C-alpha atoms as a PDB file:
ATOM      1  CA  MET A   1       0.525   0.034   0.026  1.00  0.00           C
ATOM      2  CA  PRO A   2       1.825   3.821  -1.066  1.00  0.00           C
ATOM      3  CA  TYR A   3       2.362   6.105   1.425  1.00  0.00           C
ATOM      4  CA  GLU A   4      -0.423   8.921   0.992  1.00  0.00           C
ATOM      5  CA  PRO A   5       0.843  12.292   2.523  1.00  0.00           C
ATOM      6  CA  PRO A   6      -1.243  14.000   5.103  1.00  0.00           C
ATOM      7  CA  PRO A   7      -4.006  16.895   3.123  1.00  0.00           C
ATOM      8  CA  ASP A   8      -2.279  20.590   3.532  1.00  0.00           C
ATOM      9  CA  LEU A   9      -1.430  21.638   6.595  1.00  0.00           C
ATOM     10  CA  ALA A  10      -3.125  24.988   5.898  1.00  0.00           C
ATOM     11  CA  GLY A  11      -6.783  22.968   4.890  1.00  0.00           C
ATOM     12  CA  LEU A  12      -6.681  21.359   8.339  1.00  0.00           C
ATOM     13  CA  SER A  13      -8.059  21.671  11.604  1.00  0.00           C
ATOM     14  CA  LEU A  14      -7.084  21.846  15.145  1.00  0.00           C
ATOM     15  CA  ALA A  15      -9.197  18.242  16.019  1.00  0.00           C
ATOM     16  CA  GLU A  16      -8.205  16.765  12.277  1.00  0.00           C
ATOM     17  CA  VAL A  17      -4.738  17.166  13.035  1.00  0.00           C
ATOM     18  CA  ALA A  18      -5.217  15.705  16.439  1.00  0.00           C
ATOM     19  CA  ASP A  19      -6.675  12.692  14.639  1.00  0.00           C
ATOM     20  CA  LEU A  20      -3.500  12.548  12.383  1.00  0.00           C
ATOM     21  CA  VAL A  21      -1.345  13.000  15.175  1.00  0.00           C
ATOM     22  CA  ALA A  22      -3.492  10.235  16.920  1.00  0.00           C
ATOM     23  CA  ALA A  23      -3.334   7.367  14.558  1.00  0.00           C
ATOM     24  CA  ARG A  24       0.259   7.582  13.744  1.00  0.00           C
ATOM     25  CA  ARG A  25       1.394   4.067  15.469  1.00  0.00           C
ATOM     26  CA  LEU A  26       5.459   4.621  15.839  1.00  0.00           C
ATOM     27  CA  PRO A  27       7.640   1.911  17.472  1.00  0.00           C
ATOM     28  CA  PRO A  28       7.515   1.725  21.293  1.00  0.00           C
ATOM     29  CA  VAL A  29      11.744   2.949  21.074  1.00  0.00           C
ATOM     30  CA  SER A  30      10.569   4.461  24.311  1.00  0.00           C
ATOM     31  CA  GLN A  31      10.498   0.492  25.911  1.00  0.00           C
ATOM     32  CA  TRP A  32      13.140  -1.084  23.773  1.00  0.00           C
ATOM     33  CA  THR A  33      17.050  -1.467  25.752  1.00  0.00           C
ATOM     34  CA  PRO A  34      18.853  -4.066  23.159  1.00  0.00           C
ATOM     35  CA  GLN A  35      22.331  -5.013  24.343  1.00  0.00           C
ATOM     36  CA  ALA A  36      24.102  -5.190  20.826  1.00  0.00           C
ATOM     37  CA  THR A  37      25.555  -1.423  19.620  1.00  0.00           C
ATOM     38  CA  GLY A  38      27.081  -0.173  16.412  1.00  0.00           C
ATOM     39  CA  ASP A  39      27.155   2.409  13.518  1.00  0.00           C
ATOM     40  CA  SER A  40      24.555   2.494  11.703  1.00  0.00           C
ATOM     41  CA  GLU A  41      26.721   4.012   8.732  1.00  0.00           C
ATOM     42  CA  MET A  42      24.242   6.710   7.656  1.00  0.00           C
ATOM     43  CA  CYS A  43      24.419  10.136   8.444  1.00  0.00           C
ATOM     44  CA  ILE A  44      21.383  13.322   8.376  1.00  0.00           C
ATOM     45  CA  ALA A  45      22.355  16.487   7.104  1.00  0.00           C
ATOM     46  CA  ALA A  46      21.795  19.934   7.899  1.00  0.00           C
ATOM     47  CA  ASP A  47      19.111  19.721   4.834  1.00  0.00           C
ATOM     48  CA  GLY A  48      17.158  17.192   6.137  1.00  0.00           C
ATOM     49  CA  ARG A  49      18.421  15.163   3.152  1.00  0.00           C
ATOM     50  CA  TRP A  50      19.656  11.011   4.794  1.00  0.00           C
ATOM     51  CA  PHE A  51      22.626   9.358   3.517  1.00  0.00           C
ATOM     52  CA  HIS A  52      23.590   6.045   3.801  1.00  0.00           C
ATOM     53  CA  GLN A  53      27.702   4.826   3.765  1.00  0.00           C
ATOM     54  CA  GLY A  54      27.601   8.314   0.946  1.00  0.00           C
ATOM     55  CA  GLY A  55      24.391   7.876  -1.278  1.00  0.00           C
ATOM     56  CA  GLU A  56      21.402   9.936  -0.339  1.00  0.00           C
ATOM     57  CA  ILE A  57      17.799   8.126   0.847  1.00  0.00           C
ATOM     58  CA  ARG A  58      15.708   9.153  -1.759  1.00  0.00           C
ATOM     59  CA  ARG A  59      12.721   6.892  -1.249  1.00  0.00           C
ATOM     60  CA  PRO A  60      10.775   8.685   1.450  1.00  0.00           C
ATOM     61  CA  ALA A  61       9.092   5.431   2.529  1.00  0.00           C
ATOM     62  CA  MET A  62      11.974   3.961   4.000  1.00  0.00           C
ATOM     63  CA  VAL A  63      13.213   7.549   5.763  1.00  0.00           C
ATOM     64  CA  ARG A  64       9.802   7.764   7.062  1.00  0.00           C
ATOM     65  CA  ALA A  65      10.341   4.450   8.341  1.00  0.00           C
ATOM     66  CA  PHE A  66      13.967   4.949   9.619  1.00  0.00           C
ATOM     67  CA  ALA A  67      12.324   8.393  11.521  1.00  0.00           C
ATOM     68  CA  ALA A  68      10.324   7.147  13.372  1.00  0.00           C
ATOM     69  CA  LEU A  69      12.887   4.975  15.131  1.00  0.00           C
ATOM     70  CA  LEU A  70      15.179   8.038  16.498  1.00  0.00           C
ATOM     71  CA  THR A  71      15.999   8.861  19.765  1.00  0.00           C
ATOM     72  CA  ARG A  72      18.493  10.892  21.415  1.00  0.00           C
ATOM     73  CA  ASP A  73      20.419  10.114  24.875  1.00  0.00           C
ATOM     74  CA  PRO A  74      21.052  13.040  26.593  1.00  0.00           C
ATOM     75  CA  ASP A  75      24.740  13.416  25.241  1.00  0.00           C
ATOM     76  CA  GLY A  76      22.951  14.479  22.390  1.00  0.00           C
ATOM     77  CA  ARG A  77      23.682  11.620  20.528  1.00  0.00           C
ATOM     78  CA  HIS A  78      21.416   9.682  17.956  1.00  0.00           C
ATOM     79  CA  TRP A  79      20.232   6.020  17.984  1.00  0.00           C
ATOM     80  CA  LEU A  80      18.795   4.306  15.106  1.00  0.00           C
ATOM     81  CA  LEU A  81      16.996   1.870  18.439  1.00  0.00           C
ATOM     82  CA  THR A  82      15.477  -1.456  17.481  1.00  0.00           C
ATOM     83  CA  PRO A  83      14.491  -5.172  19.596  1.00  0.00           C
ATOM     84  CA  ALA A  84      17.643  -6.038  18.526  1.00  0.00           C
ATOM     85  CA  GLN A  85      20.143  -3.088  18.226  1.00  0.00           C
ATOM     86  CA  LYS A  86      20.975   0.127  18.392  1.00  0.00           C
ATOM     87  CA  LEU A  87      22.449   1.840  15.533  1.00  0.00           C
ATOM     88  CA  ALA A  88      24.222   5.817  16.041  1.00  0.00           C
ATOM     89  CA  ILE A  89      23.859   7.660  13.336  1.00  0.00           C
ATOM     90  CA  ALA A  90      25.695  11.053  12.674  1.00  0.00           C
ATOM     91  CA  VAL A  91      23.151  14.532  12.685  1.00  0.00           C
ATOM     92  CA  GLU A  92      24.236  16.941  11.414  1.00  0.00           C
ATOM     93  CA  ASP A  93      22.236  19.665  13.124  1.00  0.00           C
ATOM     94  CA  ALA A  94      18.482  18.085  14.028  1.00  0.00           C
ATOM     95  CA  ALA A  95      17.071  15.202  12.785  1.00  0.00           C
ATOM     96  CA  PHE A  96      14.241  16.724  11.060  1.00  0.00           C
ATOM     97  CA  ILE A  97      13.095  20.263   8.852  1.00  0.00           C
ATOM     98  CA  ALA A  98      10.118  22.112  10.557  1.00  0.00           C
ATOM     99  CA  VAL A  99       8.679  23.170   6.557  1.00  0.00           C
ATOM    100  CA  ASP A 100       5.469  24.901   7.913  1.00  0.00           C
ATOM    101  CA  VAL A 101       3.299  26.001  11.131  1.00  0.00           C
ATOM    102  CA  LYS A 102       0.396  27.072  11.079  1.00  0.00           C
ATOM    103  CA  GLN A 103      -1.716  28.688  14.179  1.00  0.00           C
ATOM    104  CA  ALA A 104      -4.965  26.647  14.973  1.00  0.00           C
ATOM    105  CA  GLY A 105      -7.249  28.458  18.432  1.00  0.00           C
ATOM    106  CA  ASP A 106      -3.976  28.283  20.862  1.00  0.00           C
ATOM    107  CA  SER A 107      -2.016  25.559  19.048  1.00  0.00           C
ATOM    108  CA  LEU A 108       0.979  25.990  16.358  1.00  0.00           C
ATOM    109  CA  VAL A 109       1.175  23.103  14.481  1.00  0.00           C
ATOM    110  CA  PHE A 110       4.364  21.959  12.500  1.00  0.00           C
ATOM    111  CA  ARG A 111       4.800  20.135   9.662  1.00  0.00           C
ATOM    112  CA  LEU A 112       7.858  18.182   9.333  1.00  0.00           C
ATOM    113  CA  ASN A 113       9.583  16.644   6.671  1.00  0.00           C
ATOM    114  CA  THR A 114       8.289  13.328   7.412  1.00  0.00           C
ATOM    115  CA  ASP A 115       5.148  15.250   6.928  1.00  0.00           C
ATOM    116  CA  ASP A 116       5.067  14.304  10.696  1.00  0.00           C
ATOM    117  CA  LEU A 117       2.339  16.673  12.166  1.00  0.00           C
ATOM    118  CA  VAL A 118       3.646  18.010  16.008  1.00  0.00           C
ATOM    119  CA  ILE A 119       2.461  20.177  18.335  1.00  0.00           C
ATOM    120  CA  ALA A 120       4.440  22.342  20.024  1.00  0.00           C
ATOM    121  CA  GLY A 121       3.394  22.724  23.693  1.00  0.00           C
ATOM    122  CA  PRO A 122       5.341  21.498  27.169  1.00  0.00           C
ATOM    123  CA  ASP A 123       5.513  17.759  25.530  1.00  0.00           C
ATOM    124  CA  HIS A 124       7.192  20.100  22.129  1.00  0.00           C
ATOM    125  CA  PRO A 125       8.930  22.758  23.238  1.00  0.00           C
ATOM    126  CA  ILE A 126      10.481  25.774  21.215  1.00  0.00           C
ATOM    127  CA  ARG A 127      13.810  25.703  20.840  1.00  0.00           C
ATOM    128  CA  ALA A 128      16.153  29.333  20.718  1.00  0.00           C
ATOM    129  CA  ALA A 129      19.685  28.909  20.125  1.00  0.00           C
ATOM    130  CA  GLY A 130      22.542  30.586  18.538  1.00  0.00           C
ATOM    131  CA  ASP A 131      23.047  34.463  18.813  1.00  0.00           C
ATOM    132  CA  PRO A 132      21.084  37.573  17.391  1.00  0.00           C
ATOM    133  CA  ASP A 133      22.919  37.772  14.109  1.00  0.00           C
ATOM    134  CA  THR A 134      22.562  32.983  13.507  1.00  0.00           C
ATOM    135  CA  PRO A 135      19.484  32.716  15.269  1.00  0.00           C
ATOM    136  CA  ALA A 136      17.881  29.047  15.326  1.00  0.00           C
ATOM    137  CA  LEU A 137      14.552  27.777  16.306  1.00  0.00           C
ATOM    138  CA  TYR A 138      14.028  24.288  17.273  1.00  0.00           C
ATOM    139  CA  LEU A 139      10.834  21.994  18.135  1.00  0.00           C
ATOM    140  CA  GLY A 140      11.159  19.165  20.137  1.00  0.00           C
ATOM    141  CA  VAL A 141       9.708  16.441  18.342  1.00  0.00           C
ATOM    142  CA  ARG A 142      10.146  12.706  20.060  1.00  0.00           C
ATOM    143  CA  HIS A 143      12.781  11.307  22.315  1.00  0.00           C
ATOM    144  CA  GLY A 144      14.523  13.966  22.833  1.00  0.00           C
ATOM    145  CA  THR A 145      14.671  14.494  19.071  1.00  0.00           C
ATOM    146  CA  GLU A 146      14.637  17.739  17.262  1.00  0.00           C
ATOM    147  CA  ALA A 147      13.109  19.572  14.089  1.00  0.00           C
ATOM    148  CA  ARG A 148      15.129  22.903  12.580  1.00  0.00           C
ATOM    149  CA  LEU A 149      12.436  25.796  11.533  1.00  0.00           C
ATOM    150  CA  ASN A 150      13.693  25.988   7.784  1.00  0.00           C
ATOM    151  CA  ARG A 151      13.553  29.443   6.887  1.00  0.00           C
ATOM    152  CA  SER A 152      10.261  30.358   5.843  1.00  0.00           C
ATOM    153  CA  THR A 153       8.756  28.209   8.730  1.00  0.00           C
ATOM    154  CA  TYR A 154      10.507  30.755  11.036  1.00  0.00           C
ATOM    155  CA  GLY A 155       9.333  33.238   9.247  1.00  0.00           C
ATOM    156  CA  GLN A 156       6.074  32.240   9.187  1.00  0.00           C
ATOM    157  CA  LEU A 157       6.607  31.989  13.090  1.00  0.00           C
ATOM    158  CA  ALA A 158       7.939  35.978  13.214  1.00  0.00           C
ATOM    159  CA  GLU A 159       4.711  37.052  12.559  1.00  0.00           C
ATOM    160  CA  ILE A 160       2.663  35.135  14.120  1.00  0.00           C
ATOM    161  CA  ALA A 161       4.840  36.378  16.676  1.00  0.00           C
ATOM    162  CA  LEU A 162       4.861  40.010  16.110  1.00  0.00           C
ATOM    163  CA  GLU A 163       1.302  40.315  15.552  1.00  0.00           C
ATOM    164  CA  GLY A 164       1.046  39.263  19.731  1.00  0.00           C
ATOM    165  CA  GLY A 165       3.070  42.609  19.431  1.00  0.00           C
ATOM    166  CA  ASP A 166       6.784  40.583  20.872  1.00  0.00           C
ATOM    167  CA  LEU A 167       8.952  38.088  19.978  1.00  0.00           C
ATOM    168  CA  SER A 168       7.568  35.146  21.676  1.00  0.00           C
ATOM    169  CA  VAL A 169       4.870  32.679  21.160  1.00  0.00           C
ATOM    170  CA  SER A 170       2.582  30.584  22.830  1.00  0.00           C
ATOM    171  CA  SER A 171       1.214  27.387  22.211  1.00  0.00           C
ATOM    172  CA  GLN A 172      -1.074  25.151  24.477  1.00  0.00           C
ATOM    173  CA  GLY A 173      -0.726  26.501  27.027  1.00  0.00           C
ATOM    174  CA  ALA A 174       2.994  27.073  26.766  1.00  0.00           C
ATOM    175  CA  ARG A 175       4.918  31.026  25.609  1.00  0.00           C
ATOM    176  CA  PHE A 176       8.258  30.731  24.022  1.00  0.00           C
ATOM    177  CA  SER A 177      10.835  33.063  22.977  1.00  0.00           C
ATOM    178  CA  LEU A 178      12.084  33.411  19.796  1.00  0.00           C
ATOM    179  CA  LEU A 179      15.090  35.139  20.708  1.00  0.00           C
ATOM    180  CA  PRO A 180      18.493  33.174  21.696  1.00  0.00           C
ATOM    181  CA  ALA A 181      19.511  33.378  25.176  1.00  0.00           C
END
């Protein structure tokens, strides 16, 4: 059965987004504690492209399947986790790229380069990094991983913040500054 990406983010209500998020069945990686470790020989480039042994993985379904197995440990290392193995994966910046954002009521909904939908809030915070000359915004995704907002999504979020009168946004009761500390 071929993969059907979700509809355009602009056309979805918050309830429809919540239903799509709930319908995405992700593997229970937080329950797995494999003893075998190794190197996946994979890398996620800063622009969101995935590579294995130097060759780009061009099948979106493969990237989406691998992305569902990603975790990041407290030391910042990324891993592909299966019940049998824990394989290191090199990540140049962030594991995901946020490619679109929509404000829906009191929530900010992001679409990632893997077509995942993430609702910002206490469980999925927005973090400002870098410095005033080269700021970067990140969104917490799952299992410690993050998505870096691409330029257009950053611009969309800045417009939402400016409508509120300052350089911060709120989503699901949490407030996030867009200025690096």
